[in-house]
Amino acid sequence: MSQRNKQQQPKIMSLSTIAFILAGLTAGGGITGYIRAGSVPSMVAGCSVGLLYALGGYRIQQRATYGVELALLASVVLAGSSIPRAIKTQKPLPIGLSTLAVAGLWQFGVAFAGARGQ
């Protein structure tokens, strides 16, 4: 590879910041689902996925092992639950969750693949 291809692109936002944002959005969404509809499963799922993102973000920030993997796991869980629902219902909320999941899959998947390639 040429020297130009080896240079990394400048990062706009750190992986830990992305993980913390996704943690807040998923946990906040779960709590909102509980408040608006009384949905305990929404609250449990949103807070659980949010906790995985937050733990992953903390571990990434501390340069501890398995931070990226935890955030990637949270994205897989979120995608597995929201993408089929988005396809089936065509409603805005599942489509938004699916978009967040795909963004997380992309960011943390690229980081995971890059770390394994080194």
PDB file of N, CA and C in Angstrom:
ATOM      1  N   MET A   1       0.832  -1.191   0.000  1.00  0.00           N
ATOM      2  CA  MET A   1       0.000   0.000   0.000  1.00  0.00           C
ATOM      3  C   MET A   1       0.869   1.244   0.000  1.00  0.00           C
ATOM      4  N   SER A   2       0.364   2.260  -0.612  1.00  0.00           N
ATOM      5  CA  SER A   2       1.100   3.509  -0.628  1.00  0.00           C
ATOM      6  C   SER A   2       0.960   4.210   0.726  1.00  0.00           C
ATOM      7  N   GLN A   3       1.846   5.155   0.947  1.00  0.00           N
ATOM      8  CA  GLN A   3       1.833   5.896   2.207  1.00  0.00           C
ATOM      9  C   GLN A   3       0.520   6.660   2.358  1.00  0.00           C
ATOM     10  N   ARG A   4      -0.028   7.110   1.258  1.00  0.00           N
ATOM     11  CA  ARG A   4      -1.280   7.877   1.299  1.00  0.00           C
ATOM     12  C   ARG A   4      -2.433   7.021   1.821  1.00  0.00           C
ATOM     13  N   ASN A   5      -2.500   5.766   1.435  1.00  0.00           N
ATOM     14  CA  ASN A   5      -3.575   4.880   1.876  1.00  0.00           C
ATOM     15  C   ASN A   5      -3.452   4.505   3.344  1.00  0.00           C
ATOM     16  N   LYS A   6      -2.261   4.576   3.899  1.00  0.00           N
ATOM     17  CA  LYS A   6      -2.051   4.196   5.295  1.00  0.00           C
ATOM     18  C   LYS A   6      -2.460   5.306   6.266  1.00  0.00           C
ATOM     19  N   GLN A   7      -2.574   6.537   5.776  1.00  0.00           N
ATOM     20  CA  GLN A   7      -2.960   7.633   6.650  1.00  0.00           C
ATOM     21  C   GLN A   7      -4.415   7.472   7.060  1.00  0.00           C
ATOM     22  N   GLN A   8      -4.672   7.692   8.341  1.00  0.00           N
ATOM     23  CA  GLN A   8      -6.038   7.589   8.831  1.00  0.00           C
ATOM     24  C   GLN A   8      -6.779   8.892   8.582  1.00  0.00           C
ATOM     25  N   GLN A   9      -8.060   8.740   8.344  1.00  0.00           N
ATOM     26  CA  GLN A   9      -8.909   9.905   8.160  1.00  0.00           C
ATOM     27  C   GLN A   9      -9.083  10.605   9.507  1.00  0.00           C
ATOM     28  N   PRO A  10      -9.197  11.930   9.497  1.00  0.00           N
ATOM     29  CA  PRO A  10      -9.434  12.624  10.770  1.00  0.00           C
ATOM     30  C   PRO A  10     -10.802  12.226  11.329  1.00  0.00           C
ATOM     31  N   LYS A  11     -10.842  12.020  12.631  1.00  0.00           N
ATOM     32  CA  LYS A  11     -12.094  11.623  13.271  1.00  0.00           C
ATOM     33  C   LYS A  11     -12.853  12.872  13.716  1.00  0.00           C
ATOM     34  N   ILE A  12     -14.126  12.864  13.409  1.00  0.00           N
ATOM     35  CA  ILE A  12     -14.969  13.986  13.804  1.00  0.00           C
ATOM     36  C   ILE A  12     -15.383  13.816  15.263  1.00  0.00           C
ATOM     37  N   MET A  13     -15.643  12.567  15.656  1.00  0.00           N
ATOM     38  CA  MET A  13     -16.113  12.277  17.001  1.00  0.00           C
ATOM     39  C   MET A  13     -15.465  10.965  17.454  1.00  0.00           C
ATOM     40  N   SER A  14     -15.078  10.896  18.714  1.00  0.00           N
ATOM     41  CA  SER A  14     -14.443   9.680  19.205  1.00  0.00           C
ATOM     42  C   SER A  14     -15.468   8.558  19.356  1.00  0.00           C
ATOM     43  N   LEU A  15     -14.977   7.332  19.357  1.00  0.00           N
ATOM     44  CA  LEU A  15     -15.860   6.181  19.522  1.00  0.00           C
ATOM     45  C   LEU A  15     -16.570   6.207  20.870  1.00  0.00           C
ATOM     46  N   SER A  16     -15.878   6.656  21.905  1.00  0.00           N
ATOM     47  CA  SER A  16     -16.525   6.692  23.221  1.00  0.00           C
ATOM     48  C   SER A  16     -17.669   7.702  23.233  1.00  0.00           C
ATOM     49  N   THR A  17     -17.495   8.835  22.565  1.00  0.00           N
ATOM     50  CA  THR A  17     -18.563   9.836  22.491  1.00  0.00           C
ATOM     51  C   THR A  17     -19.764   9.274  21.744  1.00  0.00           C
ATOM     52  N   ILE A  18     -19.520   8.572  20.649  1.00  0.00           N
ATOM     53  CA  ILE A  18     -20.604   7.947  19.891  1.00  0.00           C
ATOM     54  C   ILE A  18     -21.340   6.942  20.765  1.00  0.00           C
ATOM     55  N   ALA A  19     -20.588   6.145  21.514  1.00  0.00           N
ATOM     56  CA  ALA A  19     -21.207   5.148  22.400  1.00  0.00           C
ATOM     57  C   ALA A  19     -22.058   5.820  23.469  1.00  0.00           C
ATOM     58  N   PHE A  20     -21.567   6.906  24.052  1.00  0.00           N
ATOM     59  CA  PHE A  20     -22.341   7.598  25.092  1.00  0.00           C
ATOM     60  C   PHE A  20     -23.607   8.249  24.513  1.00  0.00           C
ATOM     61  N   ILE A  21     -23.510   8.787  23.313  1.00  0.00           N
ATOM     62  CA  ILE A  21     -24.696   9.376  22.672  1.00  0.00           C
ATOM     63  C   ILE A  21     -25.737   8.288  22.410  1.00  0.00           C
ATOM     64  N   LEU A  22     -25.297   7.154  21.869  1.00  0.00           N
ATOM     65  CA  LEU A  22     -26.224   6.055  21.610  1.00  0.00           C
ATOM     66  C   LEU A  22     -26.798   5.503  22.915  1.00  0.00           C
ATOM     67  N   ALA A  23     -25.999   5.496  23.984  1.00  0.00           N
ATOM     68  CA  ALA A  23     -26.497   5.046  25.288  1.00  0.00           C
ATOM     69  C   ALA A  23     -27.634   5.950  25.762  1.00  0.00           C
ATOM     70  N   GLY A  24     -27.434   7.246  25.663  1.00  0.00           N
ATOM     71  CA  GLY A  24     -28.468   8.188  26.086  1.00  0.00           C
ATOM     72  C   GLY A  24     -29.726   8.100  25.243  1.00  0.00           C
ATOM     73  N   LEU A  25     -29.543   7.964  23.944  1.00  0.00           N
ATOM     74  CA  LEU A  25     -30.707   7.886  23.053  1.00  0.00           C
ATOM     75  C   LEU A  25     -31.512   6.608  23.279  1.00  0.00           C
ATOM     76  N   THR A  26     -30.830   5.473  23.425  1.00  0.00           N
ATOM     77  CA  THR A  26     -31.568   4.218  23.594  1.00  0.00           C
ATOM     78  C   THR A  26     -32.217   4.141  24.976  1.00  0.00           C
ATOM     79  N   ALA A  27     -31.491   4.530  26.015  1.00  0.00           N
ATOM     80  CA  ALA A  27     -32.078   4.506  27.359  1.00  0.00           C
ATOM     81  C   ALA A  27     -33.213   5.524  27.458  1.00  0.00           C
ATOM     82  N   GLY A  28     -32.991   6.711  26.913  1.00  0.00           N
ATOM     83  CA  GLY A  28     -34.047   7.730  26.915  1.00  0.00           C
ATOM     84  C   GLY A  28     -35.270   7.286  26.136  1.00  0.00           C
ATOM     85  N   GLY A  29     -35.054   6.602  25.034  1.00  0.00           N
ATOM     86  CA  GLY A  29     -36.172   6.077  24.256  1.00  0.00           C
ATOM     87  C   GLY A  29     -36.948   5.016  25.006  1.00  0.00           C
ATOM     88  N   GLY A  30     -36.246   4.163  25.728  1.00  0.00           N
ATOM     89  CA  GLY A  30     -36.918   3.138  26.521  1.00  0.00           C
ATOM     90  C   GLY A  30     -37.753   3.745  27.640  1.00  0.00           C
ATOM     91  N   ILE A  31     -37.204   4.738  28.290  1.00  0.00           N
ATOM     92  CA  ILE A  31     -37.930   5.411  29.375  1.00  0.00           C
ATOM     93  C   ILE A  31     -39.140   6.168  28.813  1.00  0.00           C
ATOM     94  N   THR A  32     -38.952   6.803  27.656  1.00  0.00           N
ATOM     95  CA  THR A  32     -40.062   7.503  27.010  1.00  0.00           C
ATOM     96  C   THR A  32     -41.175   6.525  26.631  1.00  0.00           C
ATOM     97  N   GLY A  33     -40.790   5.356  26.133  1.00  0.00           N
ATOM     98  CA  GLY A  33     -41.785   4.330  25.804  1.00  0.00           C
ATOM     99  C   GLY A  33     -42.581   3.900  27.010  1.00  0.00           C
ATOM    100  N   TYR A  34     -41.917   3.841  28.161  1.00  0.00           N
ATOM    101  CA  TYR A  34     -42.614   3.478  29.395  1.00  0.00           C
ATOM    102  C   TYR A  34     -43.561   4.598  29.828  1.00  0.00           C
ATOM    103  N   ILE A  35     -43.088   5.830  29.772  1.00  0.00           N
ATOM    104  CA  ILE A  35     -43.909   6.971  30.206  1.00  0.00           C
ATOM    105  C   ILE A  35     -45.134   7.146  29.304  1.00  0.00           C
ATOM    106  N   ARG A  36     -44.940   7.049  27.994  1.00  0.00           N
ATOM    107  CA  ARG A  36     -46.034   7.299  27.048  1.00  0.00           C
ATOM    108  C   ARG A  36     -47.015   6.142  26.953  1.00  0.00           C
ATOM    109  N   ALA A  37     -46.509   4.906  26.982  1.00  0.00           N
ATOM    110  CA  ALA A  37     -47.395   3.770  26.721  1.00  0.00           C
ATOM    111  C   ALA A  37     -47.431   2.765  27.870  1.00  0.00           C
ATOM    112  N   GLY A  38     -46.666   3.021  28.914  1.00  0.00           N
ATOM    113  CA  GLY A  38     -46.624   2.067  30.022  1.00  0.00           C
ATOM    114  C   GLY A  38     -45.933   0.766  29.651  1.00  0.00           C
ATOM    115  N   SER A  39     -45.051   0.813  28.664  1.00  0.00           N
ATOM    116  CA  SER A  39     -44.388  -0.386  28.155  1.00  0.00           C
ATOM    117  C   SER A  39     -43.133  -0.711  28.963  1.00  0.00           C
ATOM    118  N   VAL A  40     -43.278  -1.677  29.864  1.00  0.00           N
ATOM    119  CA  VAL A  40     -42.131  -2.122  30.654  1.00  0.00           C
ATOM    120  C   VAL A  40     -41.075  -2.769  29.757  1.00  0.00           C
ATOM    121  N   PRO A  41     -41.457  -3.601  28.758  1.00  0.00           N
ATOM    122  CA  PRO A  41     -40.422  -4.170  27.877  1.00  0.00           C
ATOM    123  C   PRO A  41     -39.593  -3.111  27.149  1.00  0.00           C
ATOM    124  N   SER A  42     -40.229  -2.016  26.751  1.00  0.00           N
ATOM    125  CA  SER A  42     -39.481  -0.933  26.098  1.00  0.00           C
ATOM    126  C   SER A  42     -38.454  -0.334  27.045  1.00  0.00           C
ATOM    127  N   MET A  43     -38.868  -0.119  28.290  1.00  0.00           N
ATOM    128  CA  MET A  43     -37.952   0.458  29.262  1.00  0.00           C
ATOM    129  C   MET A  43     -36.790  -0.488  29.551  1.00  0.00           C
ATOM    130  N   VAL A  44     -37.089  -1.764  29.757  1.00  0.00           N
ATOM    131  CA  VAL A  44     -36.040  -2.738  30.068  1.00  0.00           C
ATOM    132  C   VAL A  44     -35.080  -2.878  28.889  1.00  0.00           C
ATOM    133  N   ALA A  45     -35.630  -3.018  27.687  1.00  0.00           N
ATOM    134  CA  ALA A  45     -34.777  -3.190  26.502  1.00  0.00           C
ATOM    135  C   ALA A  45     -33.942  -1.930  26.243  1.00  0.00           C
ATOM    136  N   GLY A  46     -34.573  -0.759  26.289  1.00  0.00           N
ATOM    137  CA  GLY A  46     -33.850   0.483  26.034  1.00  0.00           C
ATOM    138  C   GLY A  46     -32.747   0.727  27.049  1.00  0.00           C
ATOM    139  N   CYS A  47     -33.063   0.493  28.323  1.00  0.00           N
ATOM    140  CA  CYS A  47     -32.051   0.707  29.366  1.00  0.00           C
ATOM    141  C   CYS A  47     -30.944  -0.340  29.304  1.00  0.00           C
ATOM    142  N   SER A  48     -31.288  -1.565  28.922  1.00  0.00           N
ATOM    143  CA  SER A  48     -30.273  -2.624  28.814  1.00  0.00           C
ATOM    144  C   SER A  48     -29.304  -2.328  27.671  1.00  0.00           C
ATOM    145  N   VAL A  49     -29.846  -1.967  26.514  1.00  0.00           N
ATOM    146  CA  VAL A  49     -28.988  -1.630  25.377  1.00  0.00           C
ATOM    147  C   VAL A  49     -28.194  -0.367  25.695  1.00  0.00           C
ATOM    148  N   GLY A  50     -28.834   0.605  26.331  1.00  0.00           N
ATOM    149  CA  GLY A  50     -28.132   1.815  26.732  1.00  0.00           C
ATOM    150  C   GLY A  50     -26.991   1.530  27.695  1.00  0.00           C
ATOM    151  N   LEU A  51     -27.211   0.590  28.611  1.00  0.00           N
ATOM    152  CA  LEU A  51     -26.155   0.203  29.547  1.00  0.00           C
ATOM    153  C   LEU A  51     -24.985  -0.444  28.816  1.00  0.00           C
ATOM    154  N   LEU A  52     -25.273  -1.295  27.833  1.00  0.00           N
ATOM    155  CA  LEU A  52     -24.197  -1.898  27.036  1.00  0.00           C
ATOM    156  C   LEU A  52     -23.396  -0.823  26.304  1.00  0.00           C
ATOM    157  N   TYR A  53     -24.094   0.135  25.683  1.00  0.00           N
ATOM    158  CA  TYR A  53     -23.392   1.233  25.005  1.00  0.00           C
ATOM    159  C   TYR A  53     -22.558   2.042  25.998  1.00  0.00           C
ATOM    160  N   ALA A  54     -23.133   2.367  27.160  1.00  0.00           N
ATOM    161  CA  ALA A  54     -22.419   3.181  28.154  1.00  0.00           C
ATOM    162  C   ALA A  54     -21.196   2.447  28.682  1.00  0.00           C
ATOM    163  N   LEU A  55     -21.339   1.173  28.972  1.00  0.00           N
ATOM    164  CA  LEU A  55     -20.201   0.385  29.453  1.00  0.00           C
ATOM    165  C   LEU A  55     -19.129   0.293  28.374  1.00  0.00           C
ATOM    166  N   GLY A  56     -19.555   0.072  27.129  1.00  0.00           N
ATOM    167  CA  GLY A  56     -18.594   0.048  26.025  1.00  0.00           C
ATOM    168  C   GLY A  56     -17.881   1.374  25.882  1.00  0.00           C
ATOM    169  N   GLY A  57     -18.635   2.478  25.953  1.00  0.00           N
ATOM    170  CA  GLY A  57     -18.030   3.804  25.855  1.00  0.00           C
ATOM    171  C   GLY A  57     -17.048   4.078  26.977  1.00  0.00           C
ATOM    172  N   TYR A  58     -17.397   3.668  28.185  1.00  0.00           N
ATOM    173  CA  TYR A  58     -16.494   3.855  29.325  1.00  0.00           C
ATOM    174  C   TYR A  58     -15.208   3.054  29.129  1.00  0.00           C
ATOM    175  N   ARG A  59     -15.348   1.814  28.689  1.00  0.00           N
ATOM    176  CA  ARG A  59     -14.168   0.972  28.492  1.00  0.00           C
ATOM    177  C   ARG A  59     -13.301   1.495  27.339  1.00  0.00           C
ATOM    178  N   ILE A  60     -13.937   2.018  26.298  1.00  0.00           N
ATOM    179  CA  ILE A  60     -13.169   2.625  25.205  1.00  0.00           C
ATOM    180  C   ILE A  60     -12.396   3.832  25.724  1.00  0.00           C
ATOM    181  N   GLN A  61     -13.073   4.660  26.512  1.00  0.00           N
ATOM    182  CA  GLN A  61     -12.455   5.866  27.068  1.00  0.00           C
ATOM    183  C   GLN A  61     -11.271   5.535  27.975  1.00  0.00           C
ATOM    184  N   GLN A  62     -11.400   4.447  28.729  1.00  0.00           N
ATOM    185  CA  GLN A  62     -10.340   4.036  29.651  1.00  0.00           C
ATOM    186  C   GLN A  62      -9.268   3.177  28.980  1.00  0.00           C
ATOM    187  N   ARG A  63      -9.429   2.929  27.691  1.00  0.00           N
ATOM    188  CA  ARG A  63      -8.545   2.067  26.912  1.00  0.00           C
ATOM    189  C   ARG A  63      -8.476   0.648  27.482  1.00  0.00           C
ATOM    190  N   ALA A  64      -9.609   0.211  28.015  1.00  0.00           N
ATOM    191  CA  ALA A  64      -9.723  -1.143  28.560  1.00  0.00           C
ATOM    192  C   ALA A  64     -10.157  -2.095  27.438  1.00  0.00           C
ATOM    193  N   THR A  65      -9.970  -3.373  27.690  1.00  0.00           N
ATOM    194  CA  THR A  65     -10.343  -4.363  26.684  1.00  0.00           C
ATOM    195  C   THR A  65     -11.861  -4.475  26.570  1.00  0.00           C
ATOM    196  N   TYR A  66     -12.290  -4.910  25.421  1.00  0.00           N
ATOM    197  CA  TYR A  66     -13.691  -5.223  25.115  1.00  0.00           C
ATOM    198  C   TYR A  66     -14.645  -4.034  25.092  1.00  0.00           C
ATOM    199  N   GLY A  67     -14.144  -2.820  24.998  1.00  0.00           N
ATOM    200  CA  GLY A  67     -15.035  -1.665  24.898  1.00  0.00           C
ATOM    201  C   GLY A  67     -15.748  -1.623  23.562  1.00  0.00           C
ATOM    202  N   VAL A  68     -14.994  -1.746  22.484  1.00  0.00           N
ATOM    203  CA  VAL A  68     -15.579  -1.724  21.143  1.00  0.00           C
ATOM    204  C   VAL A  68     -16.514  -2.920  20.970  1.00  0.00           C
ATOM    205  N   GLU A  69     -16.106  -4.059  21.499  1.00  0.00           N
ATOM    206  CA  GLU A  69     -16.931  -5.266  21.372  1.00  0.00           C
ATOM    207  C   GLU A  69     -18.273  -5.115  22.086  1.00  0.00           C
ATOM    208  N   LEU A  70     -18.291  -4.491  23.251  1.00  0.00           N
ATOM    209  CA  LEU A  70     -19.546  -4.263  23.971  1.00  0.00           C
ATOM    210  C   LEU A  70     -20.462  -3.321  23.195  1.00  0.00           C
ATOM    211  N   ALA A  71     -19.890  -2.259  22.655  1.00  0.00           N
ATOM    212  CA  ALA A  71     -20.691  -1.317  21.875  1.00  0.00           C
ATOM    213  C   ALA A  71     -21.200  -1.979  20.592  1.00  0.00           C
ATOM    214  N   LEU A  72     -20.375  -2.820  19.992  1.00  0.00           N
ATOM    215  CA  LEU A  72     -20.807  -3.554  18.801  1.00  0.00           C
ATOM    216  C   LEU A  72     -21.924  -4.537  19.146  1.00  0.00           C
ATOM    217  N   LEU A  73     -21.807  -5.196  20.284  1.00  0.00           N
ATOM    218  CA  LEU A  73     -22.864  -6.103  20.747  1.00  0.00           C
ATOM    219  C   LEU A  73     -24.177  -5.340  20.938  1.00  0.00           C
ATOM    220  N   ALA A  74     -24.110  -4.164  21.540  1.00  0.00           N
ATOM    221  CA  ALA A  74     -25.313  -3.352  21.729  1.00  0.00           C
ATOM    222  C   ALA A  74     -25.944  -3.013  20.381  1.00  0.00           C
ATOM    223  N   SER A  75     -25.119  -2.700  19.393  1.00  0.00           N
ATOM    224  CA  SER A  75     -25.637  -2.381  18.059  1.00  0.00           C
ATOM    225  C   SER A  75     -26.281  -3.600  17.406  1.00  0.00           C
ATOM    226  N   VAL A  76     -25.689  -4.769  17.590  1.00  0.00           N
ATOM    227  CA  VAL A  76     -26.257  -6.002  17.030  1.00  0.00           C
ATOM    228  C   VAL A  76     -27.620  -6.287  17.671  1.00  0.00           C
ATOM    229  N   VAL A  77     -27.699  -6.151  18.996  1.00  0.00           N
ATOM    230  CA  VAL A  77     -28.961  -6.393  19.703  1.00  0.00           C
ATOM    231  C   VAL A  77     -30.025  -5.396  19.239  1.00  0.00           C
ATOM    232  N   LEU A  78     -29.646  -4.123  19.155  1.00  0.00           N
ATOM    233  CA  LEU A  78     -30.590  -3.099  18.714  1.00  0.00           C
ATOM    234  C   LEU A  78     -31.040  -3.348  17.273  1.00  0.00           C
ATOM    235  N   ALA A  79     -30.109  -3.690  16.409  1.00  0.00           N
ATOM    236  CA  ALA A  79     -30.463  -3.963  15.014  1.00  0.00           C
ATOM    237  C   ALA A  79     -31.354  -5.190  14.906  1.00  0.00           C
ATOM    238  N   GLY A  80     -31.044  -6.223  15.668  1.00  0.00           N
ATOM    239  CA  GLY A  80     -31.831  -7.449  15.614  1.00  0.00           C
ATOM    240  C   GLY A  80     -33.264  -7.263  16.049  1.00  0.00           C
ATOM    241  N   SER A  81     -33.490  -6.315  16.932  1.00  0.00           N
ATOM    242  CA  SER A  81     -34.861  -6.086  17.388  1.00  0.00           C
ATOM    243  C   SER A  81     -35.590  -5.017  16.572  1.00  0.00           C
ATOM    244  N   SER A  82     -34.871  -4.035  16.052  1.00  0.00           N
ATOM    245  CA  SER A  82     -35.549  -2.911  15.409  1.00  0.00           C
ATOM    246  C   SER A  82     -35.694  -3.045  13.895  1.00  0.00           C
ATOM    247  N   ILE A  83     -34.741  -3.640  13.214  1.00  0.00           N
ATOM    248  CA  ILE A  83     -34.811  -3.705  11.752  1.00  0.00           C
ATOM    249  C   ILE A  83     -36.004  -4.538  11.274  1.00  0.00           C
ATOM    250  N   PRO A  84     -36.232  -5.745  11.832  1.00  0.00           N
ATOM    251  CA  PRO A  84     -37.418  -6.481  11.391  1.00  0.00           C
ATOM    252  C   PRO A  84     -38.729  -5.726  11.660  1.00  0.00           C
ATOM    253  N   ARG A  85     -38.792  -5.034  12.808  1.00  0.00           N
ATOM    254  CA  ARG A  85     -39.983  -4.254  13.139  1.00  0.00           C
ATOM    255  C   ARG A  85     -40.151  -3.069  12.190  1.00  0.00           C
ATOM    256  N   ALA A  86     -39.046  -2.442  11.810  1.00  0.00           N
ATOM    257  CA  ALA A  86     -39.110  -1.314  10.877  1.00  0.00           C
ATOM    258  C   ALA A  86     -39.605  -1.769   9.512  1.00  0.00           C
ATOM    259  N   ILE A  87     -39.143  -2.914   9.078  1.00  0.00           N
ATOM    260  CA  ILE A  87     -39.577  -3.444   7.777  1.00  0.00           C
ATOM    261  C   ILE A  87     -41.056  -3.798   7.823  1.00  0.00           C
ATOM    262  N   LYS A  88     -41.473  -4.410   8.922  1.00  0.00           N
ATOM    263  CA  LYS A  88     -42.862  -4.868   9.039  1.00  0.00           C
ATOM    264  C   LYS A  88     -43.855  -3.713   9.189  1.00  0.00           C
ATOM    265  N   THR A  89     -43.553  -2.761  10.074  1.00  0.00           N
ATOM    266  CA  THR A  89     -44.535  -1.720  10.403  1.00  0.00           C
ATOM    267  C   THR A  89     -44.385  -0.436   9.598  1.00  0.00           C
ATOM    268  N   GLN A  90     -43.178  -0.147   9.107  1.00  0.00           N
ATOM    269  CA  GLN A  90     -42.900   1.101   8.387  1.00  0.00           C
ATOM    270  C   GLN A  90     -43.176   2.338   9.239  1.00  0.00           C
ATOM    271  N   LYS A  91     -43.096   2.198  10.569  1.00  0.00           N
ATOM    272  CA  LYS A  91     -43.353   3.324  11.469  1.00  0.00           C
ATOM    273  C   LYS A  91     -42.051   4.075  11.749  1.00  0.00           C
ATOM    274  N   PRO A  92     -42.164   5.369  12.079  1.00  0.00           N
ATOM    275  CA  PRO A  92     -40.961   6.192  12.283  1.00  0.00           C
ATOM    276  C   PRO A  92     -40.059   5.731  13.424  1.00  0.00           C
ATOM    277  N   LEU A  93     -40.628   5.298  14.540  1.00  0.00           N
ATOM    278  CA  LEU A  93     -39.785   4.927  15.679  1.00  0.00           C
ATOM    279  C   LEU A  93     -38.891   3.733  15.373  1.00  0.00           C
ATOM    280  N   PRO A  94     -39.409   2.622  14.879  1.00  0.00           N
ATOM    281  CA  PRO A  94     -38.510   1.517  14.537  1.00  0.00           C
ATOM    282  C   PRO A  94     -37.510   1.871  13.430  1.00  0.00           C
ATOM    283  N   ILE A  95     -37.931   2.726  12.501  1.00  0.00           N
ATOM    284  CA  ILE A  95     -37.003   3.152  11.445  1.00  0.00           C
ATOM    285  C   ILE A  95     -35.868   3.974  12.054  1.00  0.00           C
ATOM    286  N   GLY A  96     -36.191   4.858  13.004  1.00  0.00           N
ATOM    287  CA  GLY A  96     -35.163   5.640  13.688  1.00  0.00           C
ATOM    288  C   GLY A  96     -34.213   4.775  14.500  1.00  0.00           C
ATOM    289  N   LEU A  97     -34.776   3.804  15.218  1.00  0.00           N
ATOM    290  CA  LEU A  97     -33.934   2.879  15.985  1.00  0.00           C
ATOM    291  C   LEU A  97     -33.028   2.073  15.058  1.00  0.00           C
ATOM    292  N   SER A  98     -33.574   1.665  13.925  1.00  0.00           N
ATOM    293  CA  SER A  98     -32.781   0.911  12.952  1.00  0.00           C
ATOM    294  C   SER A  98     -31.630   1.759  12.412  1.00  0.00           C
ATOM    295  N   THR A  99     -31.904   3.033  12.197  1.00  0.00           N
ATOM    296  CA  THR A  99     -30.867   3.941  11.720  1.00  0.00           C
ATOM    297  C   THR A  99     -29.755   4.081  12.755  1.00  0.00           C
ATOM    298  N   LEU A 100     -30.140   4.224  14.022  1.00  0.00           N
ATOM    299  CA  LEU A 100     -29.125   4.277  15.089  1.00  0.00           C
ATOM    300  C   LEU A 100     -28.317   2.988  15.138  1.00  0.00           C
ATOM    301  N   ALA A 101     -29.009   1.856  15.013  1.00  0.00           N
ATOM    302  CA  ALA A 101     -28.333   0.554  15.065  1.00  0.00           C
ATOM    303  C   ALA A 101     -27.338   0.418  13.920  1.00  0.00           C
ATOM    304  N   VAL A 102     -27.743   0.810  12.721  1.00  0.00           N
ATOM    305  CA  VAL A 102     -26.847   0.691  11.569  1.00  0.00           C
ATOM    306  C   VAL A 102     -25.645   1.624  11.724  1.00  0.00           C
ATOM    307  N   ALA A 103     -25.876   2.823  12.261  1.00  0.00           N
ATOM    308  CA  ALA A 103     -24.761   3.743  12.504  1.00  0.00           C
ATOM    309  C   ALA A 103     -23.781   3.131  13.502  1.00  0.00           C
ATOM    310  N   GLY A 104     -24.309   2.528  14.568  1.00  0.00           N
ATOM    311  CA  GLY A 104     -23.438   1.866  15.542  1.00  0.00           C
ATOM    312  C   GLY A 104     -22.717   0.668  14.954  1.00  0.00           C
ATOM    313  N   LEU A 105     -23.438  -0.127  14.168  1.00  0.00           N
ATOM    314  CA  LEU A 105     -22.805  -1.280  13.517  1.00  0.00           C
ATOM    315  C   LEU A 105     -21.649  -0.830  12.632  1.00  0.00           C
ATOM    316  N   TRP A 106     -21.860   0.256  11.902  1.00  0.00           N
ATOM    317  CA  TRP A 106     -20.819   0.755  11.016  1.00  0.00           C
ATOM    318  C   TRP A 106     -19.608   1.245  11.820  1.00  0.00           C
ATOM    319  N   GLN A 107     -19.838   2.152  12.768  1.00  0.00           N
ATOM    320  CA  GLN A 107     -18.725   2.742  13.521  1.00  0.00           C
ATOM    321  C   GLN A 107     -17.933   1.694  14.307  1.00  0.00           C
ATOM    322  N   PHE A 108     -18.647   0.886  15.074  1.00  0.00           N
ATOM    323  CA  PHE A 108     -17.957  -0.073  15.931  1.00  0.00           C
ATOM    324  C   PHE A 108     -17.473  -1.283  15.140  1.00  0.00           C
ATOM    325  N   GLY A 109     -18.162  -1.620  14.048  1.00  0.00           N
ATOM    326  CA  GLY A 109     -17.702  -2.703  13.186  1.00  0.00           C
ATOM    327  C   GLY A 109     -16.396  -2.361  12.499  1.00  0.00           C
ATOM    328  N   VAL A 110     -16.280  -1.143  12.001  1.00  0.00           N
ATOM    329  CA  VAL A 110     -15.033  -0.696  11.374  1.00  0.00           C
ATOM    330  C   VAL A 110     -13.901  -0.684  12.407  1.00  0.00           C
ATOM    331  N   ALA A 111     -14.195  -0.200  13.607  1.00  0.00           N
ATOM    332  CA  ALA A 111     -13.169  -0.169  14.666  1.00  0.00           C
ATOM    333  C   ALA A 111     -12.747  -1.584  15.053  1.00  0.00           C
ATOM    334  N   PHE A 112     -13.718  -2.488  15.156  1.00  0.00           N
ATOM    335  CA  PHE A 112     -13.415  -3.873  15.506  1.00  0.00           C
ATOM    336  C   PHE A 112     -12.568  -4.531  14.425  1.00  0.00           C
ATOM    337  N   ALA A 113     -12.954  -4.343  13.179  1.00  0.00           N
ATOM    338  CA  ALA A 113     -12.211  -4.946  12.066  1.00  0.00           C
ATOM    339  C   ALA A 113     -10.791  -4.353  11.986  1.00  0.00           C
ATOM    340  N   GLY A 114     -10.673  -3.057  12.242  1.00  0.00           N
ATOM    341  CA  GLY A 114      -9.360  -2.422  12.213  1.00  0.00           C
ATOM    342  C   GLY A 114      -8.464  -2.914  13.327  1.00  0.00           C
ATOM    343  N   ALA A 115      -9.021  -3.152  14.486  1.00  0.00           N
ATOM    344  CA  ALA A 115      -8.215  -3.635  15.617  1.00  0.00           C
ATOM    345  C   ALA A 115      -7.761  -5.070  15.382  1.00  0.00           C
ATOM    346  N   ARG A 116      -8.599  -5.873  14.756  1.00  0.00           N
ATOM    347  CA  ARG A 116      -8.244  -7.269  14.490  1.00  0.00           C
ATOM    348  C   ARG A 116      -7.217  -7.384  13.386  1.00  0.00           C
ATOM    349  N   GLY A 117      -7.178  -6.389  12.503  1.00  0.00           N
ATOM    350  CA  GLY A 117      -6.241  -6.420  11.375  1.00  0.00           C
ATOM    351  C   GLY A 117      -4.835  -5.998  11.761  1.00  0.00           C
ATOM    352  N   GLN A 118      -4.655  -5.486  12.944  1.00  0.00           N
ATOM    353  CA  GLN A 118      -3.334  -5.001  13.364  1.00  0.00           C
ATOM    354  C   GLN A 118      -2.490  -6.084  13.965  1.00  0.00           C
TER     355      GLN A 118
END
